[in-house]
Amino acid sequence: MEKRNNVYQLDLKEISLKNGDAGKQSLSLNFDNHDDLFQIFEVIQSKHIFENKETATEFALGLKLFTEVMLKNKNNPLFDELRPAILDFMKKLKSQ
């Protein structure tokens, strides 16, 4: 049986650059994730780990994008040293 995932679209647009120039680039990315990301955003925000909701959402999105890539590439040696630390980190995060 095929495992189903949630499918998302992420639109990223440069607004302004640190040198003062207006941003010009944009990116649209479709990706899937086994978790309900919007529910995770709410959970992370409710834990009050960070001072504001935007930071909590940035953190959750970055973490979920990264860990999903790790899961999909579990045999990639690039993640060998990092995997145990990420597992410990996720346990700590979920226990808060």
Protein backbone atom coordinates (compact mmCIF):
# COMPACT_ATOMS: atom_id res chain seq x y z
CA MET A 1 0.00 0.00 0.00
CA GLU A 2 1.33 3.41 -0.95
CA LYS A 3 2.03 5.77 1.92
CA ARG A 4 0.22 9.08 1.56
CA ASN A 5 1.69 12.42 2.44
CA ASN A 6 0.36 15.93 2.72
CA VAL A 7 1.36 18.12 -0.23
CA TYR A 8 2.32 21.77 0.24
CA GLN A 9 3.40 24.72 -1.86
CA LEU A 10 5.95 27.18 -0.55
CA ASP A 11 6.32 30.56 -2.25
CA LEU A 12 9.43 32.51 -1.33
CA LYS A 13 10.07 36.02 -2.56
CA GLU A 14 12.94 38.41 -1.90
CA ILE A 15 11.54 41.65 -0.52
CA SER A 16 14.70 43.65 0.13
CA LEU A 17 18.38 42.85 0.29
CA LYS A 18 20.86 43.84 2.98
CA ASN A 19 22.64 46.18 0.55
CA GLY A 20 19.43 48.19 0.18
CA ASP A 21 18.43 46.84 -3.22
CA ALA A 22 14.91 45.62 -3.86
CA GLY A 23 14.59 41.87 -4.08
CA LYS A 24 14.12 40.38 -7.52
CA GLN A 25 14.06 36.63 -7.10
CA SER A 26 11.27 34.28 -6.19
CA LEU A 27 10.85 30.56 -5.82
CA SER A 28 7.83 28.30 -5.77
CA LEU A 29 8.36 24.82 -4.38
CA ASN A 30 5.94 21.92 -4.09
CA PHE A 31 6.85 19.32 -1.48
CA ASP A 32 5.26 16.63 0.61
CA ASN A 33 5.50 15.86 4.29
CA HIS A 34 4.06 13.07 6.40
CA ASP A 35 2.98 15.56 9.10
CA ASP A 36 0.28 18.22 9.17
CA LEU A 37 2.59 21.24 9.12
CA PHE A 38 -0.05 23.74 10.16
CA GLN A 39 -0.85 21.71 13.25
CA ILE A 40 2.87 21.56 14.06
CA PHE A 41 3.11 25.35 13.69
CA GLU A 42 0.32 25.70 16.25
CA VAL A 43 1.93 23.24 18.65
CA ILE A 44 5.34 24.93 18.49
CA GLN A 45 3.75 28.36 18.94
CA SER A 46 1.79 27.12 21.95
CA LYS A 47 4.99 25.91 23.66
CA HIS A 48 6.25 29.53 23.82
CA ILE A 49 9.82 28.43 23.12
CA PHE A 50 10.41 31.70 21.27
CA GLU A 51 9.27 35.25 21.95
CA ASN A 52 7.04 35.55 18.89
CA LYS A 53 4.92 33.37 16.64
CA GLU A 54 6.85 34.23 13.49
CA THR A 55 10.08 32.87 14.95
CA ALA A 56 8.28 29.75 16.11
CA THR A 57 6.87 29.22 12.63
CA GLU A 58 10.28 29.77 10.96
CA PHE A 59 11.81 27.25 13.35
CA ALA A 60 9.10 24.64 12.81
CA LEU A 61 9.13 25.01 9.03
CA GLY A 62 12.90 24.78 8.79
CA LEU A 63 13.06 21.81 11.11
CA LYS A 64 10.28 19.92 9.33
CA LEU A 65 11.75 20.58 5.88
CA PHE A 66 15.17 19.42 7.03
CA THR A 67 14.05 16.33 8.93
CA GLU A 68 11.76 15.22 6.09
CA VAL A 69 14.74 15.33 3.71
CA MET A 70 16.69 13.26 6.24
CA LEU A 71 13.87 10.69 6.42
CA LYS A 72 13.60 10.43 2.65
CA ASN A 73 17.37 9.99 2.40
CA LYS A 74 17.95 7.81 5.45
CA ASN A 75 20.75 5.86 3.76
CA ASN A 76 22.68 8.95 2.72
CA PRO A 77 25.98 8.99 4.66
CA LEU A 78 25.82 12.79 4.82
CA PHE A 79 23.40 12.46 7.75
CA ASP A 80 25.18 9.66 9.66
CA GLU A 81 26.78 11.85 12.32
CA LEU A 82 23.84 14.21 12.62
CA ARG A 83 21.05 11.61 12.88
CA PRO A 84 21.59 10.67 16.57
CA ALA A 85 21.73 14.32 17.62
CA ILE A 86 18.56 15.13 15.66
CA LEU A 87 16.75 12.19 17.26
CA ASP A 88 17.75 13.40 20.74
CA PHE A 89 16.79 16.96 19.84
CA MET A 90 13.34 15.89 18.59
CA LYS A 91 12.72 13.90 21.80
CA LYS A 92 13.67 16.94 23.87
CA LEU A 93 11.46 19.23 21.79
CA LYS A 94 8.46 16.89 22.01
CA SER A 95 8.85 16.56 25.78
CA GLN A 96 8.50 20.31 26.38
